[in-house]
Amino acid sequence: MGRLTGGDPSLLRRINSAVVLHALRAAGASGTATGGPDDGGGCAGSASLTDLTRVTGLSRPTVEGVIDGLADSGLVVEVPAEEGGVRRQGRPARRFRFRAEAGHLLGIEIGAHRVAAILSDLDGNVLGSIVREVSEKASADERLERLRTTVADLLRRAGVARFSLRAVGVASPGVVEADGTVHLCTALPGWTGLPLGERLRRSFRCPVLVENDANTAAVAEHWKGAAAGSDDVVFVLAGLSPGAGSLIGGRLHRGFGGAAGEIGALHLLGQEAAPEEVLSTTGEPLNPLDEAQVAHVFSLARDGDARARAAVDRFVRRLVHDTAALVLALDPEVVVVGGWAAGLDGVLAPLRDELARYCLRPPQVTLSLLGEAAVTTGALRLALDHVEQELFAVDSTVTTRRASH
């Protein structure tokens, strides 16, 4: 074993910088000034050197040096003293705030029929969003080009320069490897084997984090949706081939190869009907099996068509079966249902009933609160988690994963 040596000074500086920046960001999140009467009050969301010394435990000279460095980098700015502020004597205390506007984050969804993006500052405050249709038959190159023009439009509308992006989170169908390569995807032409992270890195010149779409939806519902406050969550994305994302102990669970939650393949175990047969109203496989066709079946069912209602019933039973398998394995506190099933009348009742039959402790079952925005919102959270680790030394993020550089 090697001999222990002194710490690297540059590492110590980075740690001190992260500690001070984290304290300033926390002051901004609280929206209140932390100064006491001796500081002469202060501006909301700011902190004085005295505040930072107290909160961080660092010496005042160290804090001053860190603040100077952060100001030079553009992440911190001094807040002008409020006019008319009262102070017993001397000059007012210098106050500082974290500049959430110093950089931006992007969350992207790539789907069969659309691409979508959402833009935020470094605090995750949304500055704009955009959705564009794309053909389900589009090649990988065509789909990526559509995405590039969509993102360019969003940035232009928001007045944000591309170089200000600090991280990009991307949600894609399929099994996604840690480096951003799509290992397997049947939903998009030419997507299997696509080095998606590498391709997008050429466009964004910043860390790009690629994740399965059901996983990002689970993260979004945990962040600001139906599963907020719950650390053991299953999100079921009911689509052409149902998928699921799960959080265990507050951390996203991907499995060894990123294939956790691929419940759409469960019917193969029992050689049961394929999705195009389950949703058929004619006795022949639904062709093509796309969202427009399925939406038509659902519409007929709502209008009382007997064959369509039978098809929807089969779909719900399959969804219940697939979800129950995952619940039995993971014992989540909450199951959130999104995708098509979120628009089906009465989907919660049979799902709750069946889970009560199979599970020793049935979970709460609820519909998604975020709807179509769940996937892009979760992708944005990927980017935000990356920045929190990089800038604020936060090690308890939900979505920790290696970025594609």
Protein backbone atom coordinates (compact mmCIF):
# COMPACT_ATOMS: atom_id res chain seq x y z
CA MET A 1 0.00 0.00 0.00
CA GLY A 2 1.34 3.41 -0.93
CA ARG A 3 2.22 6.00 1.68
CA LEU A 4 -0.43 8.61 2.44
CA THR A 5 0.54 12.09 1.26
CA GLY A 6 -0.84 15.59 1.60
CA GLY A 7 -3.89 16.62 -0.37
CA ASP A 8 -3.72 18.16 -3.81
CA PRO A 9 -4.10 21.97 -3.39
CA SER A 10 -6.11 22.22 -6.63
CA LEU A 11 -8.53 19.58 -5.33
CA LEU A 12 -8.91 21.50 -2.07
CA ARG A 13 -9.69 24.66 -4.03
CA ARG A 14 -12.34 22.82 -6.03
CA ILE A 15 -13.93 21.47 -2.87
CA ASN A 16 -13.97 24.90 -1.23
CA SER A 17 -15.43 26.41 -4.39
CA ALA A 18 -18.20 23.81 -4.51
CA VAL A 19 -19.03 24.33 -0.83
CA VAL A 20 -19.32 28.11 -1.19
CA LEU A 21 -21.26 27.89 -4.45
CA HIS A 22 -23.65 25.38 -2.90
CA ALA A 23 -24.27 27.76 0.00
CA LEU A 24 -24.96 30.66 -2.34
CA ARG A 25 -27.32 28.56 -4.43
CA ALA A 26 -29.16 27.46 -1.31
CA ALA A 27 -29.58 31.11 -0.31
CA GLY A 28 -31.04 31.81 -3.74
CA ALA A 29 -33.39 28.83 -3.54
CA SER A 30 -34.73 30.04 -0.19
CA GLY A 31 -35.39 33.46 -1.70
CA THR A 32 -34.40 35.20 1.54
CA ALA A 33 -31.39 37.15 2.71
CA THR A 34 -29.44 35.35 5.42
CA GLY A 35 -27.83 38.37 7.01
CA GLY A 36 -28.61 39.42 10.58
CA PRO A 37 -29.02 42.91 11.99
CA ASP A 38 -25.29 43.47 12.11
CA ASP A 39 -25.16 42.97 8.34
CA GLY A 40 -27.73 45.72 7.81
CA GLY A 41 -30.28 43.32 6.30
CA GLY A 42 -29.73 42.24 2.71
CA CYS A 43 -31.17 41.37 -0.67
CA ALA A 44 -33.38 38.31 -1.00
CA GLY A 45 -31.50 35.29 -2.32
CA SER A 46 -28.08 36.68 -1.42
CA ALA A 47 -25.49 36.03 1.28
CA SER A 48 -22.75 38.10 2.86
CA LEU A 49 -19.17 37.00 3.47
CA THR A 50 -20.06 36.63 7.14
CA ASP A 51 -23.00 34.38 6.22
CA LEU A 52 -20.84 32.21 4.00
CA THR A 53 -18.09 31.92 6.60
CA ARG A 54 -20.63 30.77 9.16
CA VAL A 55 -22.45 28.33 6.90
CA THR A 56 -19.41 26.73 5.26
CA GLY A 57 -17.05 26.66 8.25
CA LEU A 58 -14.29 28.12 6.06
CA SER A 59 -12.14 31.08 7.08
CA ARG A 60 -13.07 34.52 5.83
CA PRO A 61 -9.90 34.90 3.69
CA THR A 62 -10.64 31.51 2.08
CA VAL A 63 -14.23 32.51 1.33
CA GLU A 64 -13.09 35.83 -0.12
CA GLY A 65 -10.61 34.08 -2.40
CA VAL A 66 -13.23 31.57 -3.55
CA ILE A 67 -15.77 34.33 -4.22
CA ASP A 68 -13.25 36.22 -6.36
CA GLY A 69 -12.63 33.09 -8.44
CA LEU A 70 -16.34 32.35 -8.85
CA ALA A 71 -16.99 35.95 -9.84
CA ASP A 72 -14.29 35.73 -12.51
CA SER A 73 -15.97 32.58 -13.87
CA GLY A 74 -19.33 34.36 -14.06
CA LEU A 75 -21.07 32.05 -11.60
CA VAL A 76 -21.30 34.63 -8.80
CA VAL A 77 -22.07 38.33 -8.82
CA GLU A 78 -21.98 40.96 -6.12
CA VAL A 79 -25.42 42.36 -5.29
CA PRO A 80 -25.61 46.16 -5.08
CA ALA A 81 -26.53 47.51 -1.66
CA GLU A 82 -30.21 48.38 -1.46
CA GLU A 83 -30.86 52.08 -1.59
CA GLY A 84 -32.35 53.38 1.62
CA GLY A 85 -31.10 50.37 3.58
CA VAL A 86 -30.51 51.05 7.25
CA ARG A 87 -27.17 50.29 8.86
CA ARG A 88 -26.02 51.42 12.26
CA GLN A 89 -22.54 52.43 11.16
CA GLY A 90 -19.90 51.91 8.48
CA ARG A 91 -20.28 50.57 4.97
CA PRO A 92 -22.96 47.95 4.21
CA ALA A 93 -21.78 44.36 4.05
CA ARG A 94 -20.93 43.07 0.58
CA ARG A 95 -23.47 40.51 -0.58
CA PHE A 96 -23.32 37.95 -3.36
CA ARG A 97 -25.67 35.65 -5.24
CA PHE A 98 -25.41 32.61 -7.49
CA ARG A 99 -26.01 33.46 -11.14
CA ALA A 100 -28.43 30.78 -12.35
CA GLU A 101 -28.44 32.63 -15.68
CA ALA A 102 -24.71 31.96 -16.16
CA GLY A 103 -25.46 28.76 -18.05
CA HIS A 104 -28.32 26.73 -19.45
CA LEU A 105 -29.57 23.16 -19.55
CA LEU A 106 -31.49 21.29 -22.21
CA GLY A 107 -33.83 18.31 -21.95
CA ILE A 108 -34.66 16.46 -25.18
CA GLU A 109 -37.20 13.79 -26.11
CA ILE A 110 -36.80 11.77 -29.30
CA GLY A 111 -39.92 9.81 -30.19
CA ALA A 112 -41.49 7.97 -33.07
CA HIS A 113 -43.74 10.86 -34.08
CA ARG A 114 -42.17 13.89 -32.44
CA VAL A 115 -39.09 15.53 -31.05
CA ALA A 116 -39.37 17.89 -28.10
CA ALA A 117 -37.02 20.05 -26.05
CA ILE A 118 -37.16 22.07 -22.85
CA LEU A 119 -34.68 24.78 -21.81
CA SER A 120 -33.81 25.95 -18.30
CA ASP A 121 -31.28 27.95 -16.31
CA LEU A 122 -28.83 26.35 -13.85
CA ASP A 123 -31.53 26.18 -11.17
CA GLY A 124 -33.86 24.19 -13.43
CA ASN A 125 -36.24 27.12 -13.97
CA VAL A 126 -37.89 26.52 -17.35
CA LEU A 127 -37.27 29.24 -19.94
CA GLY A 128 -39.04 27.68 -22.91
CA SER A 129 -40.12 24.49 -24.64
CA ILE A 130 -40.87 23.27 -28.14
CA VAL A 131 -42.43 20.26 -29.89
CA ARG A 132 -42.09 19.32 -33.55
CA GLU A 133 -43.64 16.44 -35.47
CA VAL A 134 -41.48 13.94 -37.32
CA SER A 135 -42.38 11.01 -39.54
CA GLU A 136 -42.30 7.58 -37.92
CA LYS A 137 -40.51 6.42 -41.11
CA ALA A 138 -37.72 9.01 -40.83
CA SER A 139 -34.19 7.65 -40.93
CA ALA A 140 -31.83 8.20 -38.01
CA ASP A 141 -30.09 11.02 -39.88
CA GLU A 142 -33.38 12.69 -40.76
CA ARG A 143 -34.64 12.41 -37.19
CA LEU A 144 -31.44 13.89 -35.79
CA GLU A 145 -31.53 16.74 -38.30
CA ARG A 146 -35.11 17.48 -37.30
CA LEU A 147 -33.94 17.56 -33.70
CA ARG A 148 -31.10 19.96 -34.48
CA THR A 149 -33.37 22.46 -36.22
CA THR A 150 -35.93 22.18 -33.41
CA VAL A 151 -33.32 22.92 -30.74
CA ALA A 152 -31.92 25.79 -32.79
CA ASP A 153 -35.41 27.28 -32.98
CA LEU A 154 -35.89 26.98 -29.21
CA LEU A 155 -32.54 28.62 -28.45
CA ARG A 156 -33.24 31.43 -30.91
CA ARG A 157 -36.66 32.12 -29.39
CA ALA A 158 -35.21 32.20 -25.88
CA GLY A 159 -32.25 34.35 -26.90
CA VAL A 160 -29.81 31.76 -25.55
CA ALA A 161 -26.45 31.07 -27.18
CA ARG A 162 -25.59 27.42 -27.83
CA PHE A 163 -22.20 27.78 -26.13
CA SER A 164 -23.96 28.60 -22.83
CA LEU A 165 -25.35 25.05 -22.58
CA ARG A 166 -23.69 23.24 -19.65
CA ALA A 167 -25.33 19.84 -20.16
CA VAL A 168 -27.95 18.13 -22.33
CA GLY A 169 -30.20 15.30 -21.20
CA VAL A 170 -31.70 13.10 -23.91
CA ALA A 171 -34.58 10.62 -23.65
CA SER A 172 -34.84 7.90 -26.28
CA PRO A 173 -36.81 4.70 -26.74
CA GLY A 174 -34.88 1.48 -26.40
CA VAL A 175 -32.13 -0.05 -24.30
CA VAL A 176 -29.47 2.63 -23.77
CA GLU A 177 -25.90 1.83 -22.75
CA ALA A 178 -23.87 3.95 -20.34
CA ASP A 179 -21.96 5.70 -23.14
CA GLY A 180 -25.15 6.80 -24.88
CA THR A 181 -25.25 4.06 -27.50
CA VAL A 182 -28.69 2.63 -28.24
CA HIS A 183 -28.18 -1.11 -27.81
CA LEU A 184 -31.64 -2.10 -29.04
CA CYS A 185 -34.65 -0.15 -30.27
CA THR A 186 -37.55 -1.44 -32.39
CA ALA A 187 -39.55 1.80 -32.30
CA LEU A 188 -37.33 3.97 -34.52
CA PRO A 189 -35.80 3.03 -37.91
CA GLY A 190 -32.02 2.75 -37.84
CA TRP A 191 -31.86 3.36 -34.09
CA THR A 192 -30.40 0.03 -32.92
CA GLY A 193 -26.64 0.41 -32.54
CA LEU A 194 -26.76 4.18 -33.00
CA PRO A 195 -24.02 6.02 -31.01
CA LEU A 196 -26.57 8.66 -30.05
CA GLY A 197 -24.51 10.35 -27.35
CA GLU A 198 -21.51 10.65 -29.66
CA ARG A 199 -23.60 12.02 -32.52
CA LEU A 200 -25.26 14.67 -30.37
CA ARG A 201 -22.00 15.64 -28.72
CA ARG A 202 -20.86 16.97 -32.09
CA SER A 203 -23.77 19.39 -32.11
CA PHE A 204 -23.73 20.57 -28.51
CA ARG A 205 -20.05 20.58 -27.48
CA CYS A 206 -21.02 19.84 -23.89
CA PRO A 207 -21.77 16.71 -21.83
CA VAL A 208 -24.65 14.74 -23.32
CA LEU A 209 -26.44 12.19 -21.17
CA VAL A 210 -28.71 9.69 -22.92
CA GLU A 211 -31.38 7.72 -21.10
CA ASN A 212 -34.35 5.47 -21.83
CA ASP A 213 -37.59 7.46 -22.12
CA ALA A 214 -39.51 5.53 -19.45
CA ASN A 215 -36.61 6.07 -17.05
CA THR A 216 -36.65 9.81 -17.61
CA ALA A 217 -40.42 9.89 -17.08
CA ALA A 218 -39.95 8.10 -13.75
CA VAL A 219 -37.35 10.67 -12.74
CA ALA A 220 -39.67 13.52 -13.72
CA GLU A 221 -42.61 12.21 -11.71
CA HIS A 222 -40.29 11.79 -8.71
CA TRP A 223 -38.95 15.33 -9.18
CA LYS A 224 -42.16 17.31 -9.63
CA GLY A 225 -45.00 14.93 -10.42
CA ALA A 226 -47.20 12.21 -8.97
CA ALA A 227 -44.35 10.46 -7.14
CA ALA A 228 -42.79 13.51 -5.48
CA GLY A 229 -41.68 12.53 -1.99
CA SER A 230 -41.53 8.79 -2.74
CA ASP A 231 -38.17 7.07 -3.19
CA ASP A 232 -39.45 3.67 -4.41
CA VAL A 233 -41.32 4.29 -7.62
CA VAL A 234 -42.39 2.45 -10.76
CA PHE A 235 -43.45 4.48 -13.79
CA VAL A 236 -45.28 2.55 -16.51
CA LEU A 237 -45.11 4.11 -19.97
CA ALA A 238 -48.03 2.49 -21.79
CA GLY A 239 -47.26 2.71 -25.48
CA LEU A 240 -47.05 0.42 -28.48
CA SER A 241 -44.71 -1.74 -26.45
CA PRO A 242 -45.06 -0.86 -22.75
CA GLY A 243 -41.92 0.11 -20.88
CA ALA A 244 -41.22 1.03 -17.30
CA GLY A 245 -38.75 3.05 -15.29
CA SER A 246 -38.08 2.58 -11.60
CA LEU A 247 -36.41 4.30 -8.69
CA ILE A 248 -35.14 2.19 -5.81
CA GLY A 249 -34.13 4.02 -2.66
CA GLY A 250 -34.29 7.32 -4.53
CA ARG A 251 -31.91 6.23 -7.31
CA LEU A 252 -32.76 5.38 -10.89
CA HIS A 253 -32.48 1.63 -11.47
CA ARG A 254 -31.20 0.72 -14.93
CA GLY A 255 -30.00 -2.85 -14.45
CA PHE A 256 -26.62 -4.22 -15.53
CA GLY A 257 -27.06 -3.44 -19.23
CA GLY A 258 -29.71 -0.72 -19.11
CA ALA A 259 -32.57 -3.09 -19.92
CA ALA A 260 -34.43 -2.96 -16.59
CA GLY A 261 -38.14 -2.30 -17.05
CA GLU A 262 -38.51 -3.68 -20.59
CA ILE A 263 -41.88 -5.19 -19.68
CA GLY A 264 -43.06 -5.04 -23.28
CA ALA A 265 -41.22 -8.33 -23.86
CA LEU A 266 -43.00 -10.24 -21.08
CA HIS A 267 -45.62 -11.63 -23.46
CA LEU A 268 -42.84 -13.62 -25.14
CA LEU A 269 -42.36 -15.70 -22.00
CA GLY A 270 -45.82 -17.19 -22.31
CA GLN A 271 -45.95 -16.87 -26.09
CA GLU A 272 -49.04 -14.77 -25.69
CA ALA A 273 -50.54 -12.45 -28.28
CA ALA A 274 -48.29 -9.72 -29.65
CA PRO A 275 -49.36 -6.05 -29.22
CA GLU A 276 -50.65 -5.83 -32.81
CA GLU A 277 -52.96 -8.79 -32.04
CA VAL A 278 -54.05 -7.51 -28.63
CA LEU A 279 -55.24 -4.23 -30.11
CA SER A 280 -56.85 -5.69 -33.25
CA THR A 281 -60.58 -5.19 -33.86
CA THR A 282 -60.73 -7.36 -37.00
CA GLY A 283 -59.12 -10.65 -36.04
CA GLU A 284 -56.10 -9.72 -38.14
CA PRO A 285 -52.98 -8.08 -36.64
CA LEU A 286 -53.24 -4.31 -36.49
CA ASN A 287 -51.21 -3.00 -39.41
CA PRO A 288 -49.51 -0.66 -39.17
CA LEU A 289 -49.13 -0.76 -35.40
CA ASP A 290 -48.73 2.95 -34.79
CA GLU A 291 -50.12 5.59 -32.48
CA ALA A 292 -52.72 6.79 -35.00
CA GLN A 293 -54.17 3.30 -35.38
CA VAL A 294 -54.24 2.71 -31.64
CA ALA A 295 -55.81 6.12 -30.99
CA HIS A 296 -58.55 5.15 -33.45
CA VAL A 297 -59.21 1.91 -31.55
CA PHE A 298 -59.45 3.82 -28.27
CA SER A 299 -61.82 6.34 -29.86
CA LEU A 300 -64.10 3.57 -31.14
CA ALA A 301 -64.11 2.00 -27.67
CA ARG A 302 -65.19 5.27 -26.10
CA ASP A 303 -68.01 5.44 -28.64
CA GLY A 304 -69.22 2.00 -27.57
CA ASP A 305 -67.88 -0.22 -30.38
CA ALA A 306 -67.92 -3.76 -28.96
CA ARG A 307 -64.81 -5.04 -30.76
CA ALA A 308 -62.83 -1.95 -29.87
CA ARG A 309 -63.88 -2.21 -26.23
CA ALA A 310 -62.75 -5.83 -26.20
CA ALA A 311 -59.38 -4.77 -27.66
CA VAL A 312 -58.95 -2.07 -25.03
CA ASP A 313 -59.88 -4.57 -22.31
CA ARG A 314 -57.16 -6.91 -23.60
CA PHE A 315 -54.70 -4.03 -23.61
CA VAL A 316 -55.55 -3.13 -20.01
CA ARG A 317 -55.25 -6.76 -18.87
CA ARG A 318 -51.82 -7.00 -20.52
CA LEU A 319 -50.78 -3.74 -18.88
CA VAL A 320 -51.94 -5.03 -15.50
CA HIS A 321 -50.04 -8.29 -15.98
CA ASP A 322 -46.82 -6.55 -16.97
CA THR A 323 -47.05 -4.02 -14.15
CA ALA A 324 -47.78 -6.70 -11.55
CA ALA A 325 -44.59 -8.55 -12.52
CA LEU A 326 -42.52 -5.45 -11.88
CA VAL A 327 -44.32 -4.59 -8.65
CA LEU A 328 -43.78 -8.10 -7.28
CA ALA A 329 -40.06 -7.80 -7.97
CA LEU A 330 -39.49 -4.26 -6.65
CA ASP A 331 -42.21 -3.58 -4.04
CA PRO A 332 -42.58 0.12 -4.87
CA GLU A 333 -44.48 2.61 -2.76
CA VAL A 334 -46.07 4.24 -5.83
CA VAL A 335 -46.94 3.12 -9.35
CA VAL A 336 -47.43 5.98 -11.82
CA VAL A 337 -49.13 5.24 -15.13
CA GLY A 338 -48.44 7.43 -18.16
CA GLY A 339 -48.68 7.17 -21.94
CA TRP A 340 -51.87 5.98 -23.62
CA ALA A 341 -53.17 4.29 -20.48
CA ALA A 342 -53.35 7.69 -18.79
CA GLY A 343 -56.21 8.50 -21.17
CA LEU A 344 -58.13 5.27 -20.68
CA ASP A 345 -61.26 5.42 -18.60
CA GLY A 346 -61.12 3.16 -15.59
CA VAL A 347 -57.54 1.98 -15.95
CA LEU A 348 -56.74 2.59 -12.28
CA ALA A 349 -59.48 0.40 -10.84
CA PRO A 350 -58.51 -2.87 -12.56
CA LEU A 351 -54.83 -2.17 -11.97
CA ARG A 352 -55.42 -1.62 -8.26
CA ASP A 353 -57.64 -4.71 -8.03
CA GLU A 354 -55.12 -6.98 -9.72
CA LEU A 355 -52.17 -5.68 -7.73
CA ALA A 356 -54.17 -6.27 -4.55
CA ARG A 357 -54.66 -9.89 -5.64
CA TYR A 358 -51.00 -10.57 -6.41
CA CYS A 359 -49.04 -8.38 -4.02
CA LEU A 360 -48.57 -8.74 -0.27
CA ARG A 361 -48.47 -4.94 0.03
CA PRO A 362 -50.25 -3.27 -2.87
CA PRO A 363 -48.68 0.05 -3.86
CA GLN A 364 -50.44 3.35 -4.44
CA VAL A 365 -51.52 3.61 -8.07
CA THR A 366 -51.93 6.98 -9.74
CA LEU A 367 -51.92 8.62 -13.15
CA SER A 368 -49.06 10.82 -14.33
CA LEU A 369 -49.36 14.47 -13.36
CA LEU A 370 -46.93 15.64 -16.04
CA GLY A 371 -48.53 13.97 -19.05
CA GLU A 372 -46.65 14.45 -22.32
CA ALA A 373 -44.10 16.68 -20.57
CA ALA A 374 -42.86 13.86 -18.33
CA VAL A 375 -40.18 12.55 -20.68
CA THR A 376 -38.61 15.92 -21.52
CA THR A 377 -38.83 17.04 -17.89
CA GLY A 378 -36.93 13.94 -16.80
CA ALA A 379 -34.34 14.53 -19.51
CA LEU A 380 -33.85 18.03 -18.14
CA ARG A 381 -33.34 16.52 -14.69
CA LEU A 382 -30.52 14.39 -16.12
CA ALA A 383 -28.73 17.57 -17.20
CA LEU A 384 -29.44 19.30 -13.89
CA ASP A 385 -28.07 16.34 -11.91
CA HIS A 386 -24.88 16.45 -13.95
CA VAL A 387 -24.39 20.16 -13.26
CA GLU A 388 -25.13 19.71 -9.56
CA GLN A 389 -22.40 17.10 -9.33
CA GLU A 390 -19.98 19.21 -11.34
CA LEU A 391 -20.54 22.60 -9.67
CA PHE A 392 -21.93 21.85 -6.24
CA ALA A 393 -20.33 18.49 -5.35
CA VAL A 394 -23.77 16.97 -4.83
CA ASP A 395 -23.35 13.19 -4.64
CA SER A 396 -26.95 12.14 -3.97
CA THR A 397 -28.44 12.79 -7.40
CA VAL A 398 -31.15 10.50 -8.72
CA THR A 399 -29.70 9.86 -12.17
CA THR A 400 -25.91 9.55 -11.71
CA ARG A 401 -24.42 8.24 -14.93
CA ARG A 402 -21.29 8.75 -16.98
CA ALA A 403 -21.67 11.50 -19.58
CA SER A 404 -20.65 11.12 -23.20
CA HIS A 405 -17.84 13.60 -23.90
